[in-house]
Amino acid sequence: MSRSSKSDEDLVIAKAVPIEEIPVIDFTPFREGGMVGRLKVATAIADACREIGFFYLSGHGVPEEKLKKVFEQSAEFFHQPLATRAEVAATPERYRGWIPMPHSEPMSRSSRLFEQYRIQAEFGGDGPLQGDDRLFYAPNRWPAQLPEFQAACSEYYDAMLALSRDLLRAFALGLGLPEERFDGYFDKPLCQLSLLYYIPLPDDVEVEVSNTVSHTDEGPLTILAQDNIGGLEVKRRDGSWISAPPIPGAYTINVGDMMMWWSNGRYLSNYHRVRNKSKRERFSIPFFLNPDKQAEVRPLPEFVAIDGKANYEGAVVGDHLKRFYTTLEKDPRELDR
């Protein structure tokens, strides 16, 4: 997560609207067609990124079996006893693994009402890690009780990274740039795969309470796999909220802050939240694409020259992300619930 919002507009209940407000884009012509097909898809993506910052992606080429397996392993993990989950808890020194839902009594507007399991790339290297390299390059934690968990998550991570690289090329073409414009930022990308478990919100919960507060994502883009429960909501430019329900076979894609910076505001990093009012547990699996640790993400000079100024300051990726890795509200190994 990145920018959060606590404006009065967040109190508004999301409306059900025609699905065309968040378009469904078939990625098949981009993956399999010639330049005409690639440009047509890139233009459709650019239109969505400018208008609302979200779109659904079908024809993405990710095998259904990979997604099914990672959802199965996610559910199996979150259904494990507390003590078992705590064995692979994230710590401030090695912020990978299980992150519990904080105690929140009573539920409030700032409550975080979900658990997660954080997975990142493992680049390896010689010798012990030093400094903040320990935050970004430490090995993952894997639950010993689930023998298929590591393989399912690792294979899915690889599939998401490959899809992300294709999406970056489509984003670039949609901006009128060479399609390889962003390639050099992703040699050792600090991507994150999160398995998320959302509790159902009580019937009597205040309208301003959501499982996740209104926020934007910090990286260039996010690829979200939703289960069939729903609950994702997206803010329109007029400030009203709309539902973004799951569509079978399609991913939900959204622009993050870094893509908005690169484009100097042409693409919108939009606010979104989750309100699980289904009375059932909800699972989702977002893949957060992030560039290399040392990369500087700022408005591209191509757009600064056109616009006459940089609309965003930007940041060095490692410095920008560091704050998400350095604190835990409580060491999960000490939980007593």
C-alpha atoms as a PDB file:
ATOM      1  CA  MET A   1       0.000   0.000   0.000  1.00  0.00           C
ATOM      2  CA  SER A   2       1.034   3.606  -0.454  1.00  0.00           C
ATOM      3  CA  ARG A   3      -1.095   6.712  -0.221  1.00  0.00           C
ATOM      4  CA  SER A   4      -4.053   6.256   2.122  1.00  0.00           C
ATOM      5  CA  SER A   5      -7.224   8.305   2.226  1.00  0.00           C
ATOM      6  CA  LYS A   6      -9.497   9.102   5.143  1.00  0.00           C
ATOM      7  CA  SER A   7     -11.677  11.753   3.540  1.00  0.00           C
ATOM      8  CA  ASP A   8     -15.404  11.978   4.191  1.00  0.00           C
ATOM      9  CA  GLU A   9     -15.913  10.470   0.747  1.00  0.00           C
ATOM     10  CA  ASP A  10     -14.683   7.170   2.170  1.00  0.00           C
ATOM     11  CA  LEU A  11     -17.931   6.901   4.109  1.00  0.00           C
ATOM     12  CA  VAL A  12     -19.961   6.471   0.939  1.00  0.00           C
ATOM     13  CA  ILE A  13     -21.173   2.950   0.193  1.00  0.00           C
ATOM     14  CA  ALA A  14     -20.038   1.644  -3.183  1.00  0.00           C
ATOM     15  CA  LYS A  15     -22.540   1.599  -5.990  1.00  0.00           C
ATOM     16  CA  ALA A  16     -23.146  -1.278  -8.362  1.00  0.00           C
ATOM     17  CA  VAL A  17     -22.464   0.093 -11.839  1.00  0.00           C
ATOM     18  CA  PRO A  18     -22.208  -1.306 -15.370  1.00  0.00           C
ATOM     19  CA  ILE A  19     -19.026  -3.345 -15.738  1.00  0.00           C
ATOM     20  CA  GLU A  20     -17.977  -1.110 -18.651  1.00  0.00           C
ATOM     21  CA  GLU A  21     -16.805   1.495 -16.126  1.00  0.00           C
ATOM     22  CA  ILE A  22     -13.890  -0.864 -15.511  1.00  0.00           C
ATOM     23  CA  PRO A  23     -13.291  -2.314 -18.991  1.00  0.00           C
ATOM     24  CA  VAL A  24     -12.456  -5.920 -19.797  1.00  0.00           C
ATOM     25  CA  ILE A  25      -9.480  -6.073 -22.163  1.00  0.00           C
ATOM     26  CA  ASP A  26      -8.475  -9.219 -24.046  1.00  0.00           C
ATOM     27  CA  PHE A  27      -4.678  -9.509 -23.945  1.00  0.00           C
ATOM     28  CA  THR A  28      -4.526 -12.271 -26.559  1.00  0.00           C
ATOM     29  CA  PRO A  29      -3.783  -9.955 -29.534  1.00  0.00           C
ATOM     30  CA  PHE A  30      -0.899  -8.433 -27.617  1.00  0.00           C
ATOM     31  CA  ARG A  31       0.627 -11.805 -26.754  1.00  0.00           C
ATOM     32  CA  GLU A  32      -0.001 -13.543 -30.054  1.00  0.00           C
ATOM     33  CA  GLY A  33      -0.667 -10.909 -32.717  1.00  0.00           C
ATOM     34  CA  GLY A  34       1.383  -8.483 -34.745  1.00  0.00           C
ATOM     35  CA  MET A  35       2.015  -4.810 -34.128  1.00  0.00           C
ATOM     36  CA  VAL A  36      -1.507  -3.811 -35.165  1.00  0.00           C
ATOM     37  CA  GLY A  37      -2.993  -6.030 -32.467  1.00  0.00           C
ATOM     38  CA  ARG A  38      -0.434  -4.920 -29.908  1.00  0.00           C
ATOM     39  CA  LEU A  39      -1.178  -1.253 -30.511  1.00  0.00           C
ATOM     40  CA  LYS A  40      -4.930  -1.826 -30.319  1.00  0.00           C
ATOM     41  CA  VAL A  41      -4.602  -3.526 -26.932  1.00  0.00           C
ATOM     42  CA  ALA A  42      -2.125  -0.916 -25.690  1.00  0.00           C
ATOM     43  CA  THR A  43      -4.527   1.872 -26.652  1.00  0.00           C
ATOM     44  CA  ALA A  44      -7.389   0.215 -24.761  1.00  0.00           C
ATOM     45  CA  ILE A  45      -5.168  -0.198 -21.706  1.00  0.00           C
ATOM     46  CA  ALA A  46      -4.029   3.431 -21.916  1.00  0.00           C
ATOM     47  CA  ASP A  47      -7.629   4.646 -22.060  1.00  0.00           C
ATOM     48  CA  ALA A  48      -8.481   2.687 -18.901  1.00  0.00           C
ATOM     49  CA  CYS A  49      -5.328   3.877 -17.135  1.00  0.00           C
ATOM     50  CA  ARG A  50      -6.188   7.493 -17.873  1.00  0.00           C
ATOM     51  CA  GLU A  51      -9.852   7.277 -16.911  1.00  0.00           C
ATOM     52  CA  ILE A  52      -9.967   5.123 -13.788  1.00  0.00           C
ATOM     53  CA  GLY A  53      -6.598   3.373 -13.368  1.00  0.00           C
ATOM     54  CA  PHE A  54      -8.179  -0.103 -13.338  1.00  0.00           C
ATOM     55  CA  PHE A  55      -9.105  -2.718 -15.921  1.00  0.00           C
ATOM     56  CA  TYR A  56      -9.813  -6.429 -16.159  1.00  0.00           C
ATOM     57  CA  LEU A  57      -7.423  -8.551 -18.203  1.00  0.00           C
ATOM     58  CA  SER A  58      -8.609 -11.671 -19.981  1.00  0.00           C
ATOM     59  CA  GLY A  59      -6.579 -13.719 -22.468  1.00  0.00           C
ATOM     60  CA  HIS A  60      -3.526 -13.343 -20.216  1.00  0.00           C
ATOM     61  CA  GLY A  61      -2.150 -16.824 -20.873  1.00  0.00           C
ATOM     62  CA  VAL A  62      -1.641 -17.834 -17.221  1.00  0.00           C
ATOM     63  CA  PRO A  63      -2.757 -21.466 -16.851  1.00  0.00           C
ATOM     64  CA  GLU A  64      -5.862 -21.829 -14.701  1.00  0.00           C
ATOM     65  CA  GLU A  65      -4.242 -24.717 -12.844  1.00  0.00           C
ATOM     66  CA  LYS A  66      -1.452 -22.479 -11.501  1.00  0.00           C
ATOM     67  CA  LEU A  67      -3.998 -20.063 -10.063  1.00  0.00           C
ATOM     68  CA  LYS A  68      -6.137 -22.853  -8.643  1.00  0.00           C
ATOM     69  CA  LYS A  69      -3.164 -24.415  -6.864  1.00  0.00           C
ATOM     70  CA  VAL A  70      -2.001 -21.193  -5.231  1.00  0.00           C
ATOM     71  CA  PHE A  71      -5.525 -20.405  -4.002  1.00  0.00           C
ATOM     72  CA  GLU A  72      -5.802 -23.921  -2.566  1.00  0.00           C
ATOM     73  CA  GLN A  73      -2.484 -23.594  -0.765  1.00  0.00           C
ATOM     74  CA  SER A  74      -3.424 -20.145   0.524  1.00  0.00           C
ATOM     75  CA  ALA A  75      -6.675 -21.423   2.026  1.00  0.00           C
ATOM     76  CA  GLU A  76      -4.918 -24.411   3.550  1.00  0.00           C
ATOM     77  CA  PHE A  77      -2.330 -22.164   5.181  1.00  0.00           C
ATOM     78  CA  PHE A  78      -4.784 -19.673   6.670  1.00  0.00           C
ATOM     79  CA  HIS A  79      -6.860 -22.543   8.054  1.00  0.00           C
ATOM     80  CA  GLN A  80      -3.865 -23.827  10.018  1.00  0.00           C
ATOM     81  CA  PRO A  81      -3.827 -23.327  13.815  1.00  0.00           C
ATOM     82  CA  LEU A  82      -2.371 -20.085  15.116  1.00  0.00           C
ATOM     83  CA  ALA A  83       0.754 -21.806  16.427  1.00  0.00           C
ATOM     84  CA  THR A  84       1.453 -23.291  12.997  1.00  0.00           C
ATOM     85  CA  ARG A  85       1.049 -19.950  11.225  1.00  0.00           C
ATOM     86  CA  ALA A  86       3.268 -18.257  13.809  1.00  0.00           C
ATOM     87  CA  GLU A  87       6.118 -20.659  13.014  1.00  0.00           C
ATOM     88  CA  VAL A  88       6.619 -18.800   9.730  1.00  0.00           C
ATOM     89  CA  ALA A  89       5.801 -15.309  10.985  1.00  0.00           C
ATOM     90  CA  ALA A  90       7.487 -12.291   9.467  1.00  0.00           C
ATOM     91  CA  THR A  91       9.907 -10.407  11.711  1.00  0.00           C
ATOM     92  CA  PRO A  92      11.424  -6.913  11.447  1.00  0.00           C
ATOM     93  CA  GLU A  93      14.754  -8.468  10.415  1.00  0.00           C
ATOM     94  CA  ARG A  94      13.215 -10.818   7.856  1.00  0.00           C
ATOM     95  CA  TYR A  95       9.921  -9.367   6.742  1.00  0.00           C
ATOM     96  CA  ARG A  96       8.630 -12.366   4.824  1.00  0.00           C
ATOM     97  CA  GLY A  97       6.052 -14.924   5.811  1.00  0.00           C
ATOM     98  CA  TRP A  98       2.853 -14.632   7.814  1.00  0.00           C
ATOM     99  CA  ILE A  99       1.625 -11.236   9.032  1.00  0.00           C
ATOM    100  CA  PRO A 100      -1.367 -11.475  11.382  1.00  0.00           C
ATOM    101  CA  MET A 101      -4.377  -9.234  11.596  1.00  0.00           C
ATOM    102  CA  PRO A 102      -3.814  -6.792  14.467  1.00  0.00           C
ATOM    103  CA  HIS A 103      -6.220  -6.780  17.373  1.00  0.00           C
ATOM    104  CA  SER A 104      -8.769  -4.033  16.794  1.00  0.00           C
ATOM    105  CA  GLU A 105     -11.417  -3.624  19.463  1.00  0.00           C
ATOM    106  CA  PRO A 106     -13.651  -1.952  18.605  1.00  0.00           C
ATOM    107  CA  MET A 107     -13.318  -1.991  14.818  1.00  0.00           C
ATOM    108  CA  SER A 108     -12.471   1.458  13.531  1.00  0.00           C
ATOM    109  CA  ARG A 109     -11.885   3.311  10.316  1.00  0.00           C
ATOM    110  CA  SER A 110      -8.147   2.574  10.529  1.00  0.00           C
ATOM    111  CA  SER A 111      -8.445  -1.153  11.346  1.00  0.00           C
ATOM    112  CA  ARG A 112      -6.528  -3.648   9.183  1.00  0.00           C
ATOM    113  CA  LEU A 113      -8.948  -6.559   9.027  1.00  0.00           C
ATOM    114  CA  PHE A 114      -6.990  -9.155   7.105  1.00  0.00           C
ATOM    115  CA  GLU A 115      -4.027 -11.519   7.390  1.00  0.00           C
ATOM    116  CA  GLN A 116      -1.359 -11.918   4.764  1.00  0.00           C
ATOM    117  CA  TYR A 117       1.538 -14.108   3.712  1.00  0.00           C
ATOM    118  CA  ARG A 118       4.360 -12.167   2.065  1.00  0.00           C
ATOM    119  CA  ILE A 119       6.596 -13.767  -0.612  1.00  0.00           C
ATOM    120  CA  GLN A 120       9.347 -12.110  -2.656  1.00  0.00           C
ATOM    121  CA  ALA A 121      12.049 -13.131  -5.103  1.00  0.00           C
ATOM    122  CA  GLU A 122      15.110 -14.991  -3.862  1.00  0.00           C
ATOM    123  CA  PHE A 123      18.180 -13.740  -5.708  1.00  0.00           C
ATOM    124  CA  GLY A 124      20.812 -15.500  -3.630  1.00  0.00           C
ATOM    125  CA  GLY A 125      24.338 -14.127  -3.575  1.00  0.00           C
ATOM    126  CA  ASP A 126      27.682 -14.591  -1.894  1.00  0.00           C
ATOM    127  CA  GLY A 127      28.162 -14.039   1.821  1.00  0.00           C
ATOM    128  CA  PRO A 128      25.826 -12.650   4.480  1.00  0.00           C
ATOM    129  CA  LEU A 129      23.468  -9.825   3.618  1.00  0.00           C
ATOM    130  CA  GLN A 130      24.369  -6.377   4.938  1.00  0.00           C
ATOM    131  CA  GLY A 131      22.331  -3.288   5.789  1.00  0.00           C
ATOM    132  CA  ASP A 132      18.931  -2.935   4.184  1.00  0.00           C
ATOM    133  CA  ASP A 133      19.778  -5.729   1.722  1.00  0.00           C
ATOM    134  CA  ARG A 134      18.473  -7.953   4.521  1.00  0.00           C
ATOM    135  CA  LEU A 135      15.039  -6.380   4.063  1.00  0.00           C
ATOM    136  CA  PHE A 136      14.896  -6.914   0.327  1.00  0.00           C
ATOM    137  CA  TYR A 137      16.940 -10.032  -0.407  1.00  0.00           C
ATOM    138  CA  ALA A 138      16.449 -12.353   2.578  1.00  0.00           C
ATOM    139  CA  PRO A 139      15.085 -15.837   1.819  1.00  0.00           C
ATOM    140  CA  ASN A 140      11.389 -16.581   2.034  1.00  0.00           C
ATOM    141  CA  ARG A 141       9.813 -18.574   4.831  1.00  0.00           C
ATOM    142  CA  TRP A 142       7.951 -21.725   3.838  1.00  0.00           C
ATOM    143  CA  PRO A 143       5.541 -23.684   6.078  1.00  0.00           C
ATOM    144  CA  ALA A 144       6.954 -27.171   6.643  1.00  0.00           C
ATOM    145  CA  GLN A 145       3.457 -28.609   7.199  1.00  0.00           C
ATOM    146  CA  LEU A 146       2.406 -27.781   3.613  1.00  0.00           C
ATOM    147  CA  PRO A 147       4.743 -29.639   1.226  1.00  0.00           C
ATOM    148  CA  GLU A 148       3.147 -28.185  -1.943  1.00  0.00           C
ATOM    149  CA  PHE A 149       3.044 -24.578  -0.744  1.00  0.00           C
ATOM    150  CA  GLN A 150       6.502 -23.449  -1.896  1.00  0.00           C
ATOM    151  CA  ALA A 151       6.270 -24.890  -5.392  1.00  0.00           C
ATOM    152  CA  ALA A 152       2.764 -23.535  -5.993  1.00  0.00           C
ATOM    153  CA  CYS A 153       3.693 -20.031  -4.831  1.00  0.00           C
ATOM    154  CA  SER A 154       7.057 -19.935  -6.607  1.00  0.00           C
ATOM    155  CA  GLU A 155       5.613 -21.071  -9.935  1.00  0.00           C
ATOM    156  CA  TYR A 156       2.799 -18.554  -9.659  1.00  0.00           C
ATOM    157  CA  TYR A 157       5.251 -15.769  -8.785  1.00  0.00           C
ATOM    158  CA  ASP A 158       7.236 -16.546 -11.948  1.00  0.00           C
ATOM    159  CA  ALA A 159       4.047 -16.464 -14.043  1.00  0.00           C
ATOM    160  CA  MET A 160       3.067 -13.081 -12.593  1.00  0.00           C
ATOM    161  CA  LEU A 161       6.497 -11.587 -13.243  1.00  0.00           C
ATOM    162  CA  ALA A 162       6.385 -12.727 -16.866  1.00  0.00           C
ATOM    163  CA  LEU A 163       2.888 -11.253 -17.309  1.00  0.00           C
ATOM    164  CA  SER A 164       4.031  -8.017 -15.642  1.00  0.00           C
ATOM    165  CA  ARG A 165       6.872  -7.620 -18.129  1.00  0.00           C
ATOM    166  CA  ASP A 166       4.385  -7.926 -21.004  1.00  0.00           C
ATOM    167  CA  LEU A 167       2.057  -5.429 -19.343  1.00  0.00           C
ATOM    168  CA  LEU A 168       4.902  -2.938 -18.958  1.00  0.00           C
ATOM    169  CA  ARG A 169       5.454  -3.096 -22.693  1.00  0.00           C
ATOM    170  CA  ALA A 170       1.754  -2.498 -23.313  1.00  0.00           C
ATOM    171  CA  PHE A 171       1.774   0.427 -20.883  1.00  0.00           C
ATOM    172  CA  ALA A 172       4.763   1.921 -22.692  1.00  0.00           C
ATOM    173  CA  LEU A 173       3.156   1.613 -26.123  1.00  0.00           C
ATOM    174  CA  GLY A 174      -0.014   3.182 -24.745  1.00  0.00           C
ATOM    175  CA  LEU A 175       2.052   6.187 -23.668  1.00  0.00           C
ATOM    176  CA  GLY A 176       3.560   6.519 -27.125  1.00  0.00           C
ATOM    177  CA  LEU A 177       6.938   5.195 -25.948  1.00  0.00           C
ATOM    178  CA  PRO A 178       9.088   2.376 -27.325  1.00  0.00           C
ATOM    179  CA  GLU A 179       7.709  -0.798 -25.809  1.00  0.00           C
ATOM    180  CA  GLU A 180      11.020  -1.664 -24.136  1.00  0.00           C
ATOM    181  CA  ARG A 181      11.181   1.740 -22.368  1.00  0.00           C
ATOM    182  CA  PHE A 182      10.730   0.280 -18.848  1.00  0.00           C
ATOM    183  CA  ASP A 183      12.795  -2.903 -19.301  1.00  0.00           C
ATOM    184  CA  GLY A 184      15.977  -1.497 -17.752  1.00  0.00           C
ATOM    185  CA  TYR A 185      14.303  -0.866 -14.398  1.00  0.00           C
ATOM    186  CA  PHE A 186      13.634  -4.565 -13.739  1.00  0.00           C
ATOM    187  CA  ASP A 187      16.866  -6.533 -13.469  1.00  0.00           C
ATOM    188  CA  LYS A 188      16.397  -7.637  -9.827  1.00  0.00           C
ATOM    189  CA  PRO A 189      12.871  -6.359  -9.184  1.00  0.00           C
ATOM    190  CA  LEU A 190      11.601  -6.144  -5.606  1.00  0.00           C
ATOM    191  CA  CYS A 191       8.223  -7.670  -6.431  1.00  0.00           C
ATOM    192  CA  GLN A 192       5.897  -9.043  -3.781  1.00  0.00           C
ATOM    193  CA  LEU A 193       3.301 -11.810  -3.933  1.00  0.00           C
ATOM    194  CA  SER A 194       0.772 -11.528  -1.101  1.00  0.00           C
ATOM    195  CA  LEU A 195      -1.701 -14.193  -0.079  1.00  0.00           C
ATOM    196  CA  LEU A 196      -4.534 -12.335   1.647  1.00  0.00           C
ATOM    197  CA  TYR A 197      -7.254 -13.599   3.985  1.00  0.00           C
ATOM    198  CA  TYR A 198     -10.147 -11.255   4.806  1.00  0.00           C
ATOM    199  CA  ILE A 199     -12.592 -11.830   7.631  1.00  0.00           C
ATOM    200  CA  PRO A 200     -16.252 -10.982   6.915  1.00  0.00           C
ATOM    201  CA  LEU A 201     -17.322  -7.644   8.365  1.00  0.00           C
ATOM    202  CA  PRO A 202     -20.117  -7.871  10.954  1.00  0.00           C
ATOM    203  CA  ASP A 203     -23.596  -6.760   9.917  1.00  0.00           C
ATOM    204  CA  ASP A 204     -23.605  -3.960  12.471  1.00  0.00           C
ATOM    205  CA  VAL A 205     -20.190  -2.541  11.591  1.00  0.00           C
ATOM    206  CA  GLU A 206     -20.054   1.194  10.965  1.00  0.00           C
ATOM    207  CA  VAL A 207     -20.197   2.205   7.292  1.00  0.00           C
ATOM    208  CA  GLU A 208     -16.706   3.744   7.419  1.00  0.00           C
ATOM    209  CA  VAL A 209     -15.082   0.451   8.460  1.00  0.00           C
ATOM    210  CA  SER A 210     -13.449  -1.585   5.697  1.00  0.00           C
ATOM    211  CA  ASN A 211     -11.010  -4.493   5.692  1.00  0.00           C
ATOM    212  CA  THR A 212      -8.388  -2.262   4.100  1.00  0.00           C
ATOM    213  CA  VAL A 213      -8.417   1.519   4.312  1.00  0.00           C
ATOM    214  CA  SER A 214      -8.643   3.464   1.086  1.00  0.00           C
ATOM    215  CA  HIS A 215      -5.180   3.478  -0.486  1.00  0.00           C
ATOM    216  CA  THR A 216      -3.136   3.436  -3.664  1.00  0.00           C
ATOM    217  CA  ASP A 217      -0.372   0.941  -4.477  1.00  0.00           C
ATOM    218  CA  GLU A 218       3.226   2.162  -4.479  1.00  0.00           C
ATOM    219  CA  GLY A 219       4.699   0.240  -7.436  1.00  0.00           C
ATOM    220  CA  PRO A 220       4.078   0.589 -11.178  1.00  0.00           C
ATOM    221  CA  LEU A 221       1.238  -1.946 -11.375  1.00  0.00           C
ATOM    222  CA  THR A 222      -0.612  -4.648  -9.463  1.00  0.00           C
ATOM    223  CA  ILE A 223      -2.084  -7.901 -10.798  1.00  0.00           C
ATOM    224  CA  LEU A 224      -4.937  -9.060  -8.563  1.00  0.00           C
ATOM    225  CA  ALA A 225      -6.546 -12.483  -8.509  1.00  0.00           C
ATOM    226  CA  GLN A 226      -9.855 -12.386  -6.651  1.00  0.00           C
ATOM    227  CA  ASP A 227     -11.894 -15.328  -5.428  1.00  0.00           C
ATOM    228  CA  ASN A 228     -15.641 -15.350  -6.139  1.00  0.00           C
ATOM    229  CA  ILE A 229     -16.668 -13.420  -3.014  1.00  0.00           C
ATOM    230  CA  GLY A 230     -16.120  -9.841  -4.174  1.00  0.00           C
ATOM    231  CA  GLY A 231     -15.613  -6.809  -1.967  1.00  0.00           C
ATOM    232  CA  LEU A 232     -13.083  -4.749  -3.954  1.00  0.00           C
ATOM    233  CA  GLU A 233     -14.199  -1.144  -4.436  1.00  0.00           C
ATOM    234  CA  VAL A 234     -12.650   1.574  -6.622  1.00  0.00           C
ATOM    235  CA  LYS A 235     -13.010   5.348  -6.394  1.00  0.00           C
ATOM    236  CA  ARG A 236     -14.229   7.280  -9.405  1.00  0.00           C
ATOM    237  CA  ARG A 237     -12.704  10.612 -10.323  1.00  0.00           C
ATOM    238  CA  ASP A 238     -15.882  12.278  -8.945  1.00  0.00           C
ATOM    239  CA  GLY A 239     -15.159  10.747  -5.521  1.00  0.00           C
ATOM    240  CA  SER A 240     -17.894   8.117  -5.522  1.00  0.00           C
ATOM    241  CA  TRP A 241     -17.130   4.431  -4.998  1.00  0.00           C
ATOM    242  CA  ILE A 242     -17.996   1.595  -7.381  1.00  0.00           C
ATOM    243  CA  SER A 243     -17.770  -2.158  -6.967  1.00  0.00           C
ATOM    244  CA  ALA A 244     -15.097  -4.080  -8.877  1.00  0.00           C
ATOM    245  CA  PRO A 245     -16.420  -7.649  -8.658  1.00  0.00           C
ATOM    246  CA  PRO A 246     -14.405 -10.657  -9.810  1.00  0.00           C
ATOM    247  CA  ILE A 247     -14.791 -11.814 -13.411  1.00  0.00           C
ATOM    248  CA  PRO A 248     -14.055 -15.511 -14.002  1.00  0.00           C
ATOM    249  CA  GLY A 249     -10.832 -16.010 -15.935  1.00  0.00           C
ATOM    250  CA  ALA A 250      -9.771 -12.355 -15.703  1.00  0.00           C
ATOM    251  CA  TYR A 251      -7.286 -10.510 -13.529  1.00  0.00           C
ATOM    252  CA  THR A 252      -7.954  -7.092 -12.034  1.00  0.00           C
ATOM    253  CA  ILE A 253      -5.079  -4.756 -12.975  1.00  0.00           C
ATOM    254  CA  ASN A 254      -4.419  -1.371 -11.440  1.00  0.00           C
ATOM    255  CA  VAL A 255      -1.914   1.414 -11.944  1.00  0.00           C
ATOM    256  CA  GLY A 256       0.370   2.211  -8.983  1.00  0.00           C
ATOM    257  CA  ASP A 257       2.089   5.410  -7.916  1.00  0.00           C
ATOM    258  CA  MET A 258       5.350   4.745  -9.772  1.00  0.00           C
ATOM    259  CA  MET A 259       3.606   4.375 -13.131  1.00  0.00           C
ATOM    260  CA  MET A 260       1.747   7.613 -12.439  1.00  0.00           C
ATOM    261  CA  TRP A 261       5.105   9.270 -11.702  1.00  0.00           C
ATOM    262  CA  TRP A 262       6.731   7.888 -14.851  1.00  0.00           C
ATOM    263  CA  SER A 263       3.823   9.131 -16.976  1.00  0.00           C
ATOM    264  CA  ASN A 264       3.841  12.527 -15.203  1.00  0.00           C
ATOM    265  CA  GLY A 265       0.193  12.007 -14.334  1.00  0.00           C
ATOM    266  CA  ARG A 266      -1.127  10.621 -17.606  1.00  0.00           C
ATOM    267  CA  TYR A 267      -1.938   7.298 -15.923  1.00  0.00           C
ATOM    268  CA  LEU A 268      -3.969   7.408 -12.710  1.00  0.00           C
ATOM    269  CA  SER A 269      -2.939   5.594  -9.533  1.00  0.00           C
ATOM    270  CA  ASN A 270      -6.386   5.290  -8.033  1.00  0.00           C
ATOM    271  CA  TYR A 271      -7.742   4.730  -4.542  1.00  0.00           C
ATOM    272  CA  HIS A 272      -9.304   1.383  -3.721  1.00  0.00           C
ATOM    273  CA  ARG A 273     -10.369  -0.617  -0.669  1.00  0.00           C
ATOM    274  CA  VAL A 274     -11.908  -3.947   0.333  1.00  0.00           C
ATOM    275  CA  ARG A 275     -15.181  -4.302   2.241  1.00  0.00           C
ATOM    276  CA  ASN A 276     -16.068  -7.952   2.736  1.00  0.00           C
ATOM    277  CA  LYS A 277     -19.779  -7.909   3.570  1.00  0.00           C
ATOM    278  CA  SER A 278     -20.401 -11.397   2.208  1.00  0.00           C
ATOM    279  CA  LYS A 279     -20.629 -13.141   5.627  1.00  0.00           C
ATOM    280  CA  ARG A 280     -17.931 -15.492   4.277  1.00  0.00           C
ATOM    281  CA  GLU A 281     -14.150 -15.509   4.394  1.00  0.00           C
ATOM    282  CA  ARG A 282     -12.487 -13.942   1.354  1.00  0.00           C
ATOM    283  CA  PHE A 283      -9.180 -14.773  -0.324  1.00  0.00           C
ATOM    284  CA  SER A 284      -7.260 -12.717  -2.856  1.00  0.00           C
ATOM    285  CA  ILE A 285      -3.742 -12.854  -4.278  1.00  0.00           C
ATOM    286  CA  PRO A 286      -2.189  -9.598  -5.487  1.00  0.00           C
ATOM    287  CA  PHE A 287       1.180  -9.444  -7.222  1.00  0.00           C
ATOM    288  CA  PHE A 288       2.884  -6.088  -6.670  1.00  0.00           C
ATOM    289  CA  LEU A 289       5.426  -5.274  -9.360  1.00  0.00           C
ATOM    290  CA  ASN A 290       8.335  -3.170  -8.059  1.00  0.00           C
ATOM    291  CA  PRO A 291      11.516  -2.065  -9.860  1.00  0.00           C
ATOM    292  CA  ASP A 292      15.116  -2.682  -8.773  1.00  0.00           C
ATOM    293  CA  LYS A 293      16.236  -1.415  -5.394  1.00  0.00           C
ATOM    294  CA  GLN A 294      18.607   1.235  -6.803  1.00  0.00           C
ATOM    295  CA  ALA A 295      16.293   2.420  -9.583  1.00  0.00           C
ATOM    296  CA  GLU A 296      15.194   6.053  -9.549  1.00  0.00           C
ATOM    297  CA  VAL A 297      11.556   6.428 -10.546  1.00  0.00           C
ATOM    298  CA  ARG A 298      10.700   9.967 -11.604  1.00  0.00           C
ATOM    299  CA  PRO A 299       8.658  11.576 -14.390  1.00  0.00           C
ATOM    300  CA  LEU A 300      10.229  10.500 -17.653  1.00  0.00           C
ATOM    301  CA  PRO A 301      12.116  13.263 -19.479  1.00  0.00           C
ATOM    302  CA  GLU A 302       9.977  12.683 -22.564  1.00  0.00           C
ATOM    303  CA  PHE A 303       6.913  13.900 -20.654  1.00  0.00           C
ATOM    304  CA  VAL A 304       8.672  16.608 -18.659  1.00  0.00           C
ATOM    305  CA  ALA A 305       9.762  18.144 -21.957  1.00  0.00           C
ATOM    306  CA  ILE A 306       6.160  18.130 -23.218  1.00  0.00           C
ATOM    307  CA  ASP A 307       4.559  19.308 -19.978  1.00  0.00           C
ATOM    308  CA  GLY A 308       7.197  21.854 -19.062  1.00  0.00           C
ATOM    309  CA  LYS A 309       7.643  20.511 -15.531  1.00  0.00           C
ATOM    310  CA  ALA A 310       7.777  17.348 -13.433  1.00  0.00           C
ATOM    311  CA  ASN A 311       4.524  16.913 -11.547  1.00  0.00           C
ATOM    312  CA  TYR A 312       6.003  14.431  -9.049  1.00  0.00           C
ATOM    313  CA  GLU A 313       9.238  14.319  -7.117  1.00  0.00           C
ATOM    314  CA  GLY A 314       9.658  10.543  -7.415  1.00  0.00           C
ATOM    315  CA  ALA A 315      12.030   8.453  -5.323  1.00  0.00           C
ATOM    316  CA  VAL A 316      14.725   5.806  -5.236  1.00  0.00           C
ATOM    317  CA  VAL A 317      12.838   2.517  -5.063  1.00  0.00           C
ATOM    318  CA  GLY A 318      14.668   1.017  -2.089  1.00  0.00           C
ATOM    319  CA  ASP A 319      14.275   4.185  -0.027  1.00  0.00           C
ATOM    320  CA  HIS A 320      10.608   4.457  -0.945  1.00  0.00           C
ATOM    321  CA  LEU A 321       9.779   0.855  -0.051  1.00  0.00           C
ATOM    322  CA  LYS A 322      11.903   0.619   3.079  1.00  0.00           C
ATOM    323  CA  ARG A 323       9.207   1.943   5.377  1.00  0.00           C
ATOM    324  CA  PHE A 324       6.973  -1.023   4.533  1.00  0.00           C
ATOM    325  CA  TYR A 325       9.601  -3.495   5.741  1.00  0.00           C
ATOM    326  CA  THR A 326      10.967  -2.038   8.939  1.00  0.00           C
ATOM    327  CA  THR A 327       8.110  -2.245  11.425  1.00  0.00           C
ATOM    328  CA  LEU A 328       5.643  -4.780  12.703  1.00  0.00           C
ATOM    329  CA  GLU A 329       2.931  -3.781  15.144  1.00  0.00           C
ATOM    330  CA  LYS A 330       3.681  -6.838  17.272  1.00  0.00           C
ATOM    331  CA  ASP A 331       6.000  -9.798  16.881  1.00  0.00           C
ATOM    332  CA  PRO A 332       3.613 -12.532  15.648  1.00  0.00           C
ATOM    333  CA  ARG A 333       5.531 -15.150  17.616  1.00  0.00           C
ATOM    334  CA  GLU A 334       4.213 -13.546  20.805  1.00  0.00           C
ATOM    335  CA  LEU A 335       0.530 -13.654  19.886  1.00  0.00           C
ATOM    336  CA  ASP A 336      -1.767 -15.280  22.394  1.00  0.00           C
ATOM    337  CA  ARG A 337      -4.999 -15.497  20.452  1.00  0.00           C
END
